[in-house]
Amino acid sequence: MLLSSQPDMQVVDTTADGCDAIALATEQRPDLAILDLGMPGCNGIEAAQEIRTRCPVTRVLALSMHADGCFVRRMVDAGPAAMCSRLPGRRR
């Protein structure tokens, strides 16, 4: 993984499930949580909101393949520090 190869970064855990992401963030208190909007379990929007509530110091980076403004707006409203589209040529 690209992040783990950076000398000043450490990947403390990974999961594909939003509910697990909440639990891991609450337990590990990372500086950054990277979430996908389309995660199973709790989706990335719900996970971002809950992580921001439980771990206010943890910053959330949201990733999405969705170009639909509704999904993007809901994720932005969840309070991530940044959001990046996984579609070519799109960033937020």
C-alpha atoms as a PDB file:
ATOM      1  CA  MET A   1       0.000   0.000   0.000  1.00  0.00           C
ATOM      2  CA  LEU A   2       1.281   3.426  -0.902  1.00  0.00           C
ATOM      3  CA  LEU A   3       0.685   4.950   2.535  1.00  0.00           C
ATOM      4  CA  SER A   4       2.586   2.284   4.438  1.00  0.00           C
ATOM      5  CA  SER A   5       5.651   2.906   2.274  1.00  0.00           C
ATOM      6  CA  GLN A   6       5.877   6.514   3.539  1.00  0.00           C
ATOM      7  CA  PRO A   7       8.509   6.870   6.294  1.00  0.00           C
ATOM      8  CA  ASP A   8       6.406   9.319   8.325  1.00  0.00           C
ATOM      9  CA  MET A   9       3.165   7.317   8.128  1.00  0.00           C
ATOM     10  CA  GLN A  10       1.957   4.115   9.710  1.00  0.00           C
ATOM     11  CA  VAL A  11      -1.148   2.189   8.673  1.00  0.00           C
ATOM     12  CA  VAL A  12      -2.589   0.988  11.978  1.00  0.00           C
ATOM     13  CA  ASP A  13      -5.447  -1.083  10.565  1.00  0.00           C
ATOM     14  CA  THR A  14      -7.663  -1.668   7.548  1.00  0.00           C
ATOM     15  CA  THR A  15     -11.239  -2.787   7.033  1.00  0.00           C
ATOM     16  CA  ALA A  16     -13.792  -2.755   4.241  1.00  0.00           C
ATOM     17  CA  ASP A  17     -16.773  -2.365   6.598  1.00  0.00           C
ATOM     18  CA  GLY A  18     -18.044   0.973   7.898  1.00  0.00           C
ATOM     19  CA  CYS A  19     -19.111  -0.416  11.295  1.00  0.00           C
ATOM     20  CA  ASP A  20     -15.667  -1.941  11.772  1.00  0.00           C
ATOM     21  CA  ALA A  21     -14.094   1.381  10.739  1.00  0.00           C
ATOM     22  CA  ILE A  22     -16.001   3.129  13.530  1.00  0.00           C
ATOM     23  CA  ALA A  23     -14.903   0.547  16.097  1.00  0.00           C
ATOM     24  CA  LEU A  24     -11.276   0.631  14.949  1.00  0.00           C
ATOM     25  CA  ALA A  25     -11.137   4.429  14.904  1.00  0.00           C
ATOM     26  CA  THR A  26     -12.658   4.575  18.391  1.00  0.00           C
ATOM     27  CA  GLU A  27     -10.112   2.051  19.676  1.00  0.00           C
ATOM     28  CA  GLN A  28      -6.995   3.216  17.787  1.00  0.00           C
ATOM     29  CA  ARG A  29      -7.631   7.004  17.597  1.00  0.00           C
ATOM     30  CA  PRO A  30      -5.746   7.483  14.300  1.00  0.00           C
ATOM     31  CA  ASP A  31      -4.755  10.898  12.969  1.00  0.00           C
ATOM     32  CA  LEU A  32      -6.543  10.065   9.695  1.00  0.00           C
ATOM     33  CA  ALA A  33      -9.344   7.699   8.681  1.00  0.00           C
ATOM     34  CA  ILE A  34      -9.798   7.065   4.952  1.00  0.00           C
ATOM     35  CA  LEU A  35     -13.347   5.987   4.146  1.00  0.00           C
ATOM     36  CA  ASP A  36     -15.159   5.016   0.976  1.00  0.00           C
ATOM     37  CA  LEU A  37     -18.715   6.266   0.587  1.00  0.00           C
ATOM     38  CA  GLY A  38     -19.875   2.830  -0.575  1.00  0.00           C
ATOM     39  CA  MET A  39     -18.603   0.737   2.347  1.00  0.00           C
ATOM     40  CA  PRO A  40     -20.824  -2.188   3.432  1.00  0.00           C
ATOM     41  CA  GLY A  41     -22.311  -2.275   6.918  1.00  0.00           C
ATOM     42  CA  CYS A  42     -22.502   1.367   7.913  1.00  0.00           C
ATOM     43  CA  ASN A  43     -21.758   3.271   4.734  1.00  0.00           C
ATOM     44  CA  GLY A  44     -18.973   5.839   4.554  1.00  0.00           C
ATOM     45  CA  ILE A  45     -21.363   8.707   5.318  1.00  0.00           C
ATOM     46  CA  GLU A  46     -22.607   7.105   8.535  1.00  0.00           C
ATOM     47  CA  ALA A  47     -19.084   6.037   9.484  1.00  0.00           C
ATOM     48  CA  ALA A  48     -17.701   9.547   8.905  1.00  0.00           C
ATOM     49  CA  GLN A  49     -20.383  11.109  11.095  1.00  0.00           C
ATOM     50  CA  GLU A  50     -19.824   8.619  13.894  1.00  0.00           C
ATOM     51  CA  ILE A  51     -16.029   8.829  13.766  1.00  0.00           C
ATOM     52  CA  ARG A  52     -16.200  12.648  13.859  1.00  0.00           C
ATOM     53  CA  THR A  53     -18.468  12.388  16.932  1.00  0.00           C
ATOM     54  CA  ARG A  54     -16.447   9.761  18.813  1.00  0.00           C
ATOM     55  CA  CYS A  55     -12.967  10.878  17.722  1.00  0.00           C
ATOM     56  CA  PRO A  56     -13.011  14.637  17.078  1.00  0.00           C
ATOM     57  CA  VAL A  57      -9.236  14.743  16.610  1.00  0.00           C
ATOM     58  CA  THR A  58      -9.317  12.097  13.838  1.00  0.00           C
ATOM     59  CA  ARG A  59      -9.548  13.670  10.407  1.00  0.00           C
ATOM     60  CA  VAL A  60     -11.612  11.886   7.786  1.00  0.00           C
ATOM     61  CA  LEU A  61     -10.690  11.624   4.117  1.00  0.00           C
ATOM     62  CA  ALA A  62     -13.662  10.465   2.053  1.00  0.00           C
ATOM     63  CA  LEU A  63     -13.315   8.635  -1.261  1.00  0.00           C
ATOM     64  CA  SER A  64     -16.167   8.086  -3.673  1.00  0.00           C
ATOM     65  CA  MET A  65     -16.916   6.666  -7.101  1.00  0.00           C
ATOM     66  CA  HIS A  66     -20.257   8.488  -7.037  1.00  0.00           C
ATOM     67  CA  ALA A  67     -20.638  11.558  -9.210  1.00  0.00           C
ATOM     68  CA  ASP A  68     -24.249  12.061  -8.083  1.00  0.00           C
ATOM     69  CA  GLY A  69     -24.497  15.393  -6.266  1.00  0.00           C
ATOM     70  CA  CYS A  70     -26.829  13.925  -3.630  1.00  0.00           C
ATOM     71  CA  PHE A  71     -24.236  11.400  -2.438  1.00  0.00           C
ATOM     72  CA  VAL A  72     -21.449  13.962  -2.545  1.00  0.00           C
ATOM     73  CA  ARG A  73     -23.501  16.536  -0.585  1.00  0.00           C
ATOM     74  CA  ARG A  74     -24.422  13.946   2.076  1.00  0.00           C
ATOM     75  CA  MET A  75     -20.771  13.015   2.512  1.00  0.00           C
ATOM     76  CA  VAL A  76     -19.664  16.652   2.689  1.00  0.00           C
ATOM     77  CA  ASP A  77     -22.362  17.255   5.310  1.00  0.00           C
ATOM     78  CA  ALA A  78     -20.903  14.353   7.335  1.00  0.00           C
ATOM     79  CA  GLY A  79     -17.847  16.524   7.940  1.00  0.00           C
ATOM     80  CA  PRO A  80     -14.796  14.980   6.301  1.00  0.00           C
ATOM     81  CA  ALA A  81     -11.626  17.070   6.230  1.00  0.00           C
ATOM     82  CA  ALA A  82     -11.448  16.341   2.487  1.00  0.00           C
ATOM     83  CA  MET A  83     -13.221  14.386  -0.195  1.00  0.00           C
ATOM     84  CA  CYS A  84     -11.689  12.875  -3.323  1.00  0.00           C
ATOM     85  CA  SER A  85     -13.509  11.318  -6.225  1.00  0.00           C
ATOM     86  CA  ARG A  86     -12.165   8.033  -7.509  1.00  0.00           C
ATOM     87  CA  LEU A  87     -13.509   8.966 -10.940  1.00  0.00           C
ATOM     88  CA  PRO A  88     -10.902  10.241 -13.398  1.00  0.00           C
ATOM     89  CA  GLY A  89     -10.609  14.030 -13.461  1.00  0.00           C
ATOM     90  CA  ARG A  90     -12.849  14.766 -10.465  1.00  0.00           C
ATOM     91  CA  ARG A  91     -11.839  16.173  -7.064  1.00  0.00           C
ATOM     92  CA  ARG A  92     -13.583  17.948  -4.183  1.00  0.00           C
END
